[in-house]
Amino acid sequence: MAASRFPPATLTLKQFIRRQQVLLLYRRILQTIRQVPNDSDRKYLKDWAREEFKRNKSATEEASPATEAQDLKEANGIVTTTGVHSIHVREFSLDLGL
């Protein structure tokens, strides 16, 4: 059997698509955060988003819809506790259907 011409770190098509979706989600989150009027709230949310993505950088499992719903609920709680009601949590969601 011939060895693959691709380096070992090459992503599968599904992994590539998932990576693109995650990057799109990150951009959407940052775009939404830019609309927050309060500077300190904006900085807090930007730092929170950055840390969450860094923390989950090596995650390889796909979340179940129930887990995603819980994550969105927690994100909503964080946004609400900062007093920022102008952010719509739906901007944090991503349709994961392929």
PDB file of N, CA and C in Angstrom:
ATOM      1  N   MET A   1       0.845  -1.171   0.000  1.00  0.00           N
ATOM      2  CA  MET A   1       0.000   0.000   0.000  1.00  0.00           C
ATOM      3  C   MET A   1       0.896   1.241   0.000  1.00  0.00           C
ATOM      4  N   ALA A   2       0.596   2.196  -0.860  1.00  0.00           N
ATOM      5  CA  ALA A   2       1.387   3.411  -0.983  1.00  0.00           C
ATOM      6  C   ALA A   2       1.093   4.364   0.168  1.00  0.00           C
ATOM      7  N   ALA A   3       2.129   5.067   0.590  1.00  0.00           N
ATOM      8  CA  ALA A   3       1.966   6.053   1.664  1.00  0.00           C
ATOM      9  C   ALA A   3       1.226   7.268   1.124  1.00  0.00           C
ATOM     10  N   SER A   4       0.485   7.925   1.993  1.00  0.00           N
ATOM     11  CA  SER A   4      -0.257   9.111   1.609  1.00  0.00           C
ATOM     12  C   SER A   4       0.696  10.253   1.270  1.00  0.00           C
ATOM     13  N   ARG A   5       0.305  11.042   0.293  1.00  0.00           N
ATOM     14  CA  ARG A   5       1.127  12.200  -0.088  1.00  0.00           C
ATOM     15  C   ARG A   5       0.896  13.377   0.845  1.00  0.00           C
ATOM     16  N   PHE A   6      -0.150  13.297   1.668  1.00  0.00           N
ATOM     17  CA  PHE A   6      -0.474  14.395   2.571  1.00  0.00           C
ATOM     18  C   PHE A   6       0.312  14.273   3.862  1.00  0.00           C
ATOM     19  N   PRO A   7       0.728  15.414   4.421  1.00  0.00           N
ATOM     20  CA  PRO A   7       1.408  15.365   5.723  1.00  0.00           C
ATOM     21  C   PRO A   7       0.442  14.859   6.798  1.00  0.00           C
ATOM     22  N   PRO A   8       0.942  14.327   7.896  1.00  0.00           N
ATOM     23  CA  PRO A   8       0.084  13.758   8.932  1.00  0.00           C
ATOM     24  C   PRO A   8      -0.908  14.762   9.536  1.00  0.00           C
ATOM     25  N   ALA A   9      -0.608  16.045   9.485  1.00  0.00           N
ATOM     26  CA  ALA A   9      -1.462  17.056  10.109  1.00  0.00           C
ATOM     27  C   ALA A   9      -2.587  17.537   9.193  1.00  0.00           C
ATOM     28  N   THR A  10      -2.743  16.941   8.029  1.00  0.00           N
ATOM     29  CA  THR A  10      -3.785  17.365   7.102  1.00  0.00           C
ATOM     30  C   THR A  10      -5.161  17.063   7.688  1.00  0.00           C
ATOM     31  N   LEU A  11      -6.058  18.034   7.580  1.00  0.00           N
ATOM     32  CA  LEU A  11      -7.410  17.874   8.098  1.00  0.00           C
ATOM     33  C   LEU A  11      -8.271  17.089   7.122  1.00  0.00           C
ATOM     34  N   THR A  12      -9.194  16.336   7.670  1.00  0.00           N
ATOM     35  CA  THR A  12     -10.197  15.704   6.819  1.00  0.00           C
ATOM     36  C   THR A  12     -11.164  16.787   6.364  1.00  0.00           C
ATOM     37  N   LEU A  13     -12.007  16.455   5.397  1.00  0.00           N
ATOM     38  CA  LEU A  13     -12.976  17.428   4.918  1.00  0.00           C
ATOM     39  C   LEU A  13     -13.907  17.875   6.044  1.00  0.00           C
ATOM     40  N   LYS A  14     -14.358  16.931   6.853  1.00  0.00           N
ATOM     41  CA  LYS A  14     -15.252  17.265   7.963  1.00  0.00           C
ATOM     42  C   LYS A  14     -14.553  18.169   8.980  1.00  0.00           C
ATOM     43  N   GLN A  15     -13.285  17.878   9.274  1.00  0.00           N
ATOM     44  CA  GLN A  15     -12.529  18.715  10.208  1.00  0.00           C
ATOM     45  C   GLN A  15     -12.322  20.114   9.626  1.00  0.00           C
ATOM     46  N   PHE A  16     -12.042  20.187   8.341  1.00  0.00           N
ATOM     47  CA  PHE A  16     -11.850  21.478   7.690  1.00  0.00           C
ATOM     48  C   PHE A  16     -13.120  22.320   7.756  1.00  0.00           C
ATOM     49  N   ILE A  17     -14.260  21.695   7.458  1.00  0.00           N
ATOM     50  CA  ILE A  17     -15.536  22.408   7.501  1.00  0.00           C
ATOM     51  C   ILE A  17     -15.835  22.869   8.919  1.00  0.00           C
ATOM     52  N   ARG A  18     -15.603  22.008   9.903  1.00  0.00           N
ATOM     53  CA  ARG A  18     -15.837  22.371  11.305  1.00  0.00           C
ATOM     54  C   ARG A  18     -14.935  23.541  11.698  1.00  0.00           C
ATOM     55  N   ARG A  19     -13.677  23.520  11.264  1.00  0.00           N
ATOM     56  CA  ARG A  19     -12.745  24.616  11.577  1.00  0.00           C
ATOM     57  C   ARG A  19     -13.252  25.934  10.997  1.00  0.00           C
ATOM     58  N   GLN A  20     -13.740  25.892   9.767  1.00  0.00           N
ATOM     59  CA  GLN A  20     -14.285  27.098   9.142  1.00  0.00           C
ATOM     60  C   GLN A  20     -15.508  27.608   9.903  1.00  0.00           C
ATOM     61  N   GLN A  21     -16.343  26.700  10.381  1.00  0.00           N
ATOM     62  CA  GLN A  21     -17.522  27.102  11.146  1.00  0.00           C
ATOM     63  C   GLN A  21     -17.115  27.744  12.473  1.00  0.00           C
ATOM     64  N   VAL A  22     -16.107  27.197  13.112  1.00  0.00           N
ATOM     65  CA  VAL A  22     -15.639  27.755  14.385  1.00  0.00           C
ATOM     66  C   VAL A  22     -15.057  29.148  14.161  1.00  0.00           C
ATOM     67  N   LEU A  23     -14.275  29.308  13.107  1.00  0.00           N
ATOM     68  CA  LEU A  23     -13.719  30.628  12.807  1.00  0.00           C
ATOM     69  C   LEU A  23     -14.817  31.642  12.493  1.00  0.00           C
ATOM     70  N   LEU A  24     -15.840  31.214  11.765  1.00  0.00           N
ATOM     71  CA  LEU A  24     -16.972  32.090  11.476  1.00  0.00           C
ATOM     72  C   LEU A  24     -17.693  32.484  12.759  1.00  0.00           C
ATOM     73  N   LEU A  25     -17.887  31.531  13.643  1.00  0.00           N
ATOM     74  CA  LEU A  25     -18.526  31.813  14.931  1.00  0.00           C
ATOM     75  C   LEU A  25     -17.708  32.831  15.726  1.00  0.00           C
ATOM     76  N   TYR A  26     -16.395  32.650  15.770  1.00  0.00           N
ATOM     77  CA  TYR A  26     -15.522  33.576  16.503  1.00  0.00           C
ATOM     78  C   TYR A  26     -15.636  34.989  15.924  1.00  0.00           C
ATOM     79  N   ARG A  27     -15.626  35.093  14.609  1.00  0.00           N
ATOM     80  CA  ARG A  27     -15.764  36.414  13.978  1.00  0.00           C
ATOM     81  C   ARG A  27     -17.115  37.042  14.299  1.00  0.00           C
ATOM     82  N   ARG A  28     -18.175  36.250  14.269  1.00  0.00           N
ATOM     83  CA  ARG A  28     -19.513  36.769  14.576  1.00  0.00           C
ATOM     84  C   ARG A  28     -19.592  37.247  16.023  1.00  0.00           C
ATOM     85  N   ILE A  29     -18.984  36.505  16.913  1.00  0.00           N
ATOM     86  CA  ILE A  29     -18.973  36.909  18.324  1.00  0.00           C
ATOM     87  C   ILE A  29     -18.252  38.240  18.476  1.00  0.00           C
ATOM     88  N   LEU A  30     -17.084  38.370  17.859  1.00  0.00           N
ATOM     89  CA  LEU A  30     -16.329  39.622  17.965  1.00  0.00           C
ATOM     90  C   LEU A  30     -17.081  40.789  17.324  1.00  0.00           C
ATOM     91  N   GLN A  31     -17.752  40.540  16.202  1.00  0.00           N
ATOM     92  CA  GLN A  31     -18.538  41.599  15.569  1.00  0.00           C
ATOM     93  C   GLN A  31     -19.681  42.049  16.479  1.00  0.00           C
ATOM     94  N   THR A  32     -20.302  41.109  17.136  1.00  0.00           N
ATOM     95  CA  THR A  32     -21.407  41.439  18.042  1.00  0.00           C
ATOM     96  C   THR A  32     -20.884  42.207  19.256  1.00  0.00           C
ATOM     97  N   ILE A  33     -19.746  41.784  19.776  1.00  0.00           N
ATOM     98  CA  ILE A  33     -19.164  42.447  20.943  1.00  0.00           C
ATOM     99  C   ILE A  33     -18.807  43.892  20.614  1.00  0.00           C
ATOM    100  N   ARG A  34     -18.404  44.167  19.393  1.00  0.00           N
ATOM    101  CA  ARG A  34     -18.076  45.543  18.996  1.00  0.00           C
ATOM    102  C   ARG A  34     -19.262  46.489  19.134  1.00  0.00           C
ATOM    103  N   GLN A  35     -20.465  45.950  19.158  1.00  0.00           N
ATOM    104  CA  GLN A  35     -21.663  46.775  19.267  1.00  0.00           C
ATOM    105  C   GLN A  35     -22.008  47.125  20.711  1.00  0.00           C
ATOM    106  N   VAL A  36     -21.300  46.560  21.671  1.00  0.00           N
ATOM    107  CA  VAL A  36     -21.573  46.833  23.081  1.00  0.00           C
ATOM    108  C   VAL A  36     -21.120  48.263  23.387  1.00  0.00           C
ATOM    109  N   PRO A  37     -22.007  49.083  23.938  1.00  0.00           N
ATOM    110  CA  PRO A  37     -21.674  50.491  24.147  1.00  0.00           C
ATOM    111  C   PRO A  37     -20.652  50.745  25.259  1.00  0.00           C
ATOM    112  N   ASN A  38     -20.659  49.961  26.304  1.00  0.00           N
ATOM    113  CA  ASN A  38     -19.779  50.190  27.448  1.00  0.00           C
ATOM    114  C   ASN A  38     -18.401  49.577  27.192  1.00  0.00           C
ATOM    115  N   ASP A  39     -17.338  50.403  27.330  1.00  0.00           N
ATOM    116  CA  ASP A  39     -15.975  49.938  27.066  1.00  0.00           C
ATOM    117  C   ASP A  39     -15.556  48.777  27.960  1.00  0.00           C
ATOM    118  N   SER A  40     -15.851  48.869  29.251  1.00  0.00           N
ATOM    119  CA  SER A  40     -15.416  47.805  30.163  1.00  0.00           C
ATOM    120  C   SER A  40     -16.162  46.505  29.883  1.00  0.00           C
ATOM    121  N   ASP A  41     -17.455  46.587  29.552  1.00  0.00           N
ATOM    122  CA  ASP A  41     -18.211  45.383  29.186  1.00  0.00           C
ATOM    123  C   ASP A  41     -17.663  44.779  27.903  1.00  0.00           C
ATOM    124  N   ARG A  42     -17.338  45.638  26.942  1.00  0.00           N
ATOM    125  CA  ARG A  42     -16.801  45.172  25.665  1.00  0.00           C
ATOM    126  C   ARG A  42     -15.484  44.445  25.873  1.00  0.00           C
ATOM    127  N   LYS A  43     -14.613  45.009  26.710  1.00  0.00           N
ATOM    128  CA  LYS A  43     -13.321  44.370  26.979  1.00  0.00           C
ATOM    129  C   LYS A  43     -13.521  43.040  27.703  1.00  0.00           C
ATOM    130  N   TYR A  44     -14.419  43.025  28.687  1.00  0.00           N
ATOM    131  CA  TYR A  44     -14.686  41.790  29.426  1.00  0.00           C
ATOM    132  C   TYR A  44     -15.177  40.683  28.487  1.00  0.00           C
ATOM    133  N   LEU A  45     -16.131  41.009  27.622  1.00  0.00           N
ATOM    134  CA  LEU A  45     -16.684  40.006  26.720  1.00  0.00           C
ATOM    135  C   LEU A  45     -15.662  39.534  25.694  1.00  0.00           C
ATOM    136  N   LYS A  46     -14.843  40.457  25.217  1.00  0.00           N
ATOM    137  CA  LYS A  46     -13.805  40.081  24.253  1.00  0.00           C
ATOM    138  C   LYS A  46     -12.791  39.145  24.899  1.00  0.00           C
ATOM    139  N   ASP A  47     -12.367  39.473  26.118  1.00  0.00           N
ATOM    140  CA  ASP A  47     -11.435  38.601  26.840  1.00  0.00           C
ATOM    141  C   ASP A  47     -12.058  37.247  27.140  1.00  0.00           C
ATOM    142  N   TRP A  48     -13.351  37.261  27.520  1.00  0.00           N
ATOM    143  CA  TRP A  48     -14.055  36.015  27.813  1.00  0.00           C
ATOM    144  C   TRP A  48     -14.103  35.123  26.569  1.00  0.00           C
ATOM    145  N   ALA A  49     -14.471  35.702  25.426  1.00  0.00           N
ATOM    146  CA  ALA A  49     -14.560  34.926  24.186  1.00  0.00           C
ATOM    147  C   ALA A  49     -13.195  34.362  23.805  1.00  0.00           C
ATOM    148  N   ARG A  50     -12.171  35.189  23.889  1.00  0.00           N
ATOM    149  CA  ARG A  50     -10.821  34.745  23.535  1.00  0.00           C
ATOM    150  C   ARG A  50     -10.379  33.585  24.423  1.00  0.00           C
ATOM    151  N   GLU A  51     -10.603  33.713  25.729  1.00  0.00           N
ATOM    152  CA  GLU A  51     -10.195  32.647  26.652  1.00  0.00           C
ATOM    153  C   GLU A  51     -10.977  31.356  26.425  1.00  0.00           C
ATOM    154  N   GLU A  52     -12.272  31.475  26.132  1.00  0.00           N
ATOM    155  CA  GLU A  52     -13.078  30.273  25.872  1.00  0.00           C
ATOM    156  C   GLU A  52     -12.584  29.543  24.625  1.00  0.00           C
ATOM    157  N   PHE A  53     -12.262  30.296  23.578  1.00  0.00           N
ATOM    158  CA  PHE A  53     -11.773  29.650  22.372  1.00  0.00           C
ATOM    159  C   PHE A  53     -10.385  29.048  22.599  1.00  0.00           C
ATOM    160  N   LYS A  54      -9.534  29.727  23.349  1.00  0.00           N
ATOM    161  CA  LYS A  54      -8.219  29.161  23.665  1.00  0.00           C
ATOM    162  C   LYS A  54      -8.356  27.897  24.503  1.00  0.00           C
ATOM    163  N   ARG A  55      -9.272  27.944  25.480  1.00  0.00           N
ATOM    164  CA  ARG A  55      -9.469  26.809  26.371  1.00  0.00           C
ATOM    165  C   ARG A  55      -9.949  25.575  25.606  1.00  0.00           C
ATOM    166  N   ASN A  56     -10.708  25.794  24.578  1.00  0.00           N
ATOM    167  CA  ASN A  56     -11.268  24.683  23.807  1.00  0.00           C
ATOM    168  C   ASN A  56     -10.541  24.430  22.493  1.00  0.00           C
ATOM    169  N   LYS A  57      -9.359  25.000  22.354  1.00  0.00           N
ATOM    170  CA  LYS A  57      -8.601  24.897  21.112  1.00  0.00           C
ATOM    171  C   LYS A  57      -8.332  23.453  20.703  1.00  0.00           C
ATOM    172  N   SER A  58      -8.049  22.606  21.666  1.00  0.00           N
ATOM    173  CA  SER A  58      -7.688  21.229  21.331  1.00  0.00           C
ATOM    174  C   SER A  58      -8.881  20.277  21.363  1.00  0.00           C
ATOM    175  N   ALA A  59     -10.075  20.800  21.530  1.00  0.00           N
ATOM    176  CA  ALA A  59     -11.262  19.942  21.573  1.00  0.00           C
ATOM    177  C   ALA A  59     -11.458  19.279  20.218  1.00  0.00           C
ATOM    178  N   THR A  60     -11.753  17.998  20.249  1.00  0.00           N
ATOM    179  CA  THR A  60     -11.961  17.271  19.005  1.00  0.00           C
ATOM    180  C   THR A  60     -13.352  16.673  18.920  1.00  0.00           C
ATOM    181  N   GLU A  61     -14.027  16.531  20.041  1.00  0.00           N
ATOM    182  CA  GLU A  61     -15.371  15.969  20.032  1.00  0.00           C
ATOM    183  C   GLU A  61     -16.373  17.039  19.622  1.00  0.00           C
ATOM    184  N   GLU A  62     -17.368  16.612  18.887  1.00  0.00           N
ATOM    185  CA  GLU A  62     -18.439  17.532  18.542  1.00  0.00           C
ATOM    186  C   GLU A  62     -19.457  17.510  19.661  1.00  0.00           C
ATOM    187  N   ALA A  63     -19.940  18.663  20.003  1.00  0.00           N
ATOM    188  CA  ALA A  63     -20.917  18.772  21.081  1.00  0.00           C
ATOM    189  C   ALA A  63     -22.283  18.307  20.598  1.00  0.00           C
ATOM    190  N   SER A  64     -23.009  17.729  21.513  1.00  0.00           N
ATOM    191  CA  SER A  64     -24.383  17.340  21.193  1.00  0.00           C
ATOM    192  C   SER A  64     -25.246  18.603  21.212  1.00  0.00           C
ATOM    193  N   PRO A  65     -26.408  18.569  20.584  1.00  0.00           N
ATOM    194  CA  PRO A  65     -27.290  19.747  20.624  1.00  0.00           C
ATOM    195  C   PRO A  65     -27.637  20.167  22.051  1.00  0.00           C
ATOM    196  N   ALA A  66     -27.766  19.208  22.970  1.00  0.00           N
ATOM    197  CA  ALA A  66     -28.072  19.547  24.365  1.00  0.00           C
ATOM    198  C   ALA A  66     -26.913  20.307  24.997  1.00  0.00           C
ATOM    199  N   THR A  67     -25.689  19.887  24.721  1.00  0.00           N
ATOM    200  CA  THR A  67     -24.511  20.571  25.255  1.00  0.00           C
ATOM    201  C   THR A  67     -24.408  21.976  24.677  1.00  0.00           C
ATOM    202  N   GLU A  68     -24.666  22.107  23.382  1.00  0.00           N
ATOM    203  CA  GLU A  68     -24.620  23.423  22.752  1.00  0.00           C
ATOM    204  C   GLU A  68     -25.668  24.349  23.355  1.00  0.00           C
ATOM    205  N   ALA A  69     -26.843  23.818  23.614  1.00  0.00           N
ATOM    206  CA  ALA A  69     -27.904  24.622  24.224  1.00  0.00           C
ATOM    207  C   ALA A  69     -27.484  25.093  25.609  1.00  0.00           C
ATOM    208  N   GLN A  70     -26.843  24.221  26.377  1.00  0.00           N
ATOM    209  CA  GLN A  70     -26.369  24.594  27.710  1.00  0.00           C
ATOM    210  C   GLN A  70     -25.284  25.669  27.612  1.00  0.00           C
ATOM    211  N   ASP A  71     -24.377  25.525  26.661  1.00  0.00           N
ATOM    212  CA  ASP A  71     -23.325  26.528  26.462  1.00  0.00           C
ATOM    213  C   ASP A  71     -23.932  27.885  26.117  1.00  0.00           C
ATOM    214  N   LEU A  72     -24.948  27.887  25.262  1.00  0.00           N
ATOM    215  CA  LEU A  72     -25.602  29.146  24.910  1.00  0.00           C
ATOM    216  C   LEU A  72     -26.305  29.754  26.112  1.00  0.00           C
ATOM    217  N   LYS A  73     -26.888  28.907  26.944  1.00  0.00           N
ATOM    218  CA  LYS A  73     -27.553  29.384  28.157  1.00  0.00           C
ATOM    219  C   LYS A  73     -26.534  30.042  29.093  1.00  0.00           C
ATOM    220  N   GLU A  74     -25.363  29.422  29.241  1.00  0.00           N
ATOM    221  CA  GLU A  74     -24.310  29.993  30.078  1.00  0.00           C
ATOM    222  C   GLU A  74     -23.812  31.304  29.482  1.00  0.00           C
ATOM    223  N   ALA A  75     -23.647  31.349  28.165  1.00  0.00           N
ATOM    224  CA  ALA A  75     -23.213  32.589  27.510  1.00  0.00           C
ATOM    225  C   ALA A  75     -24.239  33.684  27.746  1.00  0.00           C
ATOM    226  N   ASN A  76     -25.502  33.343  27.676  1.00  0.00           N
ATOM    227  CA  ASN A  76     -26.558  34.308  27.935  1.00  0.00           C
ATOM    228  C   ASN A  76     -26.463  34.819  29.365  1.00  0.00           C
ATOM    229  N   GLY A  77     -26.180  33.932  30.314  1.00  0.00           N
ATOM    230  CA  GLY A  77     -26.028  34.342  31.705  1.00  0.00           C
ATOM    231  C   GLY A  77     -24.879  35.305  31.891  1.00  0.00           C
ATOM    232  N   ILE A  78     -23.776  35.052  31.214  1.00  0.00           N
ATOM    233  CA  ILE A  78     -22.612  35.936  31.315  1.00  0.00           C
ATOM    234  C   ILE A  78     -22.956  37.304  30.741  1.00  0.00           C
ATOM    235  N   VAL A  79     -23.581  37.323  29.593  1.00  0.00           N
ATOM    236  CA  VAL A  79     -23.946  38.589  28.964  1.00  0.00           C
ATOM    237  C   VAL A  79     -24.932  39.349  29.839  1.00  0.00           C
ATOM    238  N   THR A  80     -25.911  38.645  30.389  1.00  0.00           N
ATOM    239  CA  THR A  80     -26.921  39.290  31.223  1.00  0.00           C
ATOM    240  C   THR A  80     -26.307  39.846  32.499  1.00  0.00           C
ATOM    241  N   THR A  81     -25.387  39.115  33.117  1.00  0.00           N
ATOM    242  CA  THR A  81     -24.801  39.589  34.367  1.00  0.00           C
ATOM    243  C   THR A  81     -23.922  40.808  34.165  1.00  0.00           C
ATOM    244  N   THR A  82     -23.428  41.027  32.960  1.00  0.00           N
ATOM    245  CA  THR A  82     -22.634  42.235  32.719  1.00  0.00           C
ATOM    246  C   THR A  82     -23.524  43.433  32.449  1.00  0.00           C
ATOM    247  N   GLY A  83     -24.815  43.203  32.373  1.00  0.00           N
ATOM    248  CA  GLY A  83     -25.729  44.312  32.142  1.00  0.00           C
ATOM    249  C   GLY A  83     -25.818  44.711  30.689  1.00  0.00           C
ATOM    250  N   VAL A  84     -25.352  43.878  29.809  1.00  0.00           N
ATOM    251  CA  VAL A  84     -25.366  44.195  28.396  1.00  0.00           C
ATOM    252  C   VAL A  84     -26.548  43.470  27.767  1.00  0.00           C
ATOM    253  N   HIS A  85     -27.616  44.203  27.520  1.00  0.00           N
ATOM    254  CA  HIS A  85     -28.802  43.587  26.941  1.00  0.00           C
ATOM    255  C   HIS A  85     -28.858  43.796  25.434  1.00  0.00           C
ATOM    256  N   SER A  86     -27.918  44.553  24.898  1.00  0.00           N
ATOM    257  CA  SER A  86     -27.957  44.828  23.464  1.00  0.00           C
ATOM    258  C   SER A  86     -27.416  43.672  22.633  1.00  0.00           C
ATOM    259  N   ILE A  87     -26.737  42.724  23.278  1.00  0.00           N
ATOM    260  CA  ILE A  87     -26.215  41.575  22.543  1.00  0.00           C
ATOM    261  C   ILE A  87     -27.299  40.520  22.481  1.00  0.00           C
ATOM    262  N   HIS A  88     -27.570  40.028  21.337  1.00  0.00           N
ATOM    263  CA  HIS A  88     -28.556  38.976  21.177  1.00  0.00           C
ATOM    264  C   HIS A  88     -27.825  37.642  21.187  1.00  0.00           C
ATOM    265  N   VAL A  89     -28.228  36.766  22.069  1.00  0.00           N
ATOM    266  CA  VAL A  89     -27.541  35.490  22.219  1.00  0.00           C
ATOM    267  C   VAL A  89     -27.616  34.686  20.928  1.00  0.00           C
ATOM    268  N   ARG A  90     -28.601  34.939  20.121  1.00  0.00           N
ATOM    269  CA  ARG A  90     -28.683  34.193  18.865  1.00  0.00           C
ATOM    270  C   ARG A  90     -27.474  34.453  17.985  1.00  0.00           C
ATOM    271  N   GLU A  91     -26.784  35.573  18.176  1.00  0.00           N
ATOM    272  CA  GLU A  91     -25.564  35.834  17.425  1.00  0.00           C
ATOM    273  C   GLU A  91     -24.453  34.864  17.822  1.00  0.00           C
ATOM    274  N   PHE A  92     -24.578  34.270  19.010  1.00  0.00           N
ATOM    275  CA  PHE A  92     -23.571  33.323  19.472  1.00  0.00           C
ATOM    276  C   PHE A  92     -23.832  31.906  18.953  1.00  0.00           C
ATOM    277  N   SER A  93     -25.012  31.699  18.407  1.00  0.00           N
ATOM    278  CA  SER A  93     -25.334  30.350  17.971  1.00  0.00           C
ATOM    279  C   SER A  93     -24.825  30.129  16.554  1.00  0.00           C
ATOM    280  N   LEU A  94     -24.621  28.876  16.222  1.00  0.00           N
ATOM    281  CA  LEU A  94     -24.139  28.512  14.903  1.00  0.00           C
ATOM    282  C   LEU A  94     -24.890  27.276  14.458  1.00  0.00           C
ATOM    283  N   ASP A  95     -25.482  27.356  13.294  1.00  0.00           N
ATOM    284  CA  ASP A  95     -26.185  26.195  12.777  1.00  0.00           C
ATOM    285  C   ASP A  95     -25.159  25.149  12.403  1.00  0.00           C
ATOM    286  N   LEU A  96     -25.154  24.046  13.118  1.00  0.00           N
ATOM    287  CA  LEU A  96     -24.146  23.014  12.908  1.00  0.00           C
ATOM    288  C   LEU A  96     -24.585  21.963  11.890  1.00  0.00           C
ATOM    289  N   GLY A  97     -25.727  22.117  11.310  1.00  0.00           N
ATOM    290  CA  GLY A  97     -26.166  21.164  10.283  1.00  0.00           C
ATOM    291  C   GLY A  97     -25.317  21.296   9.043  1.00  0.00           C
ATOM    292  N   LEU A  98     -24.841  20.192   8.551  1.00  0.00           N
ATOM    293  CA  LEU A  98     -23.991  20.235   7.362  1.00  0.00           C
ATOM    294  C   LEU A  98     -24.774  19.963   6.119  1.00  0.00           C
TER     295      LEU A  98
END
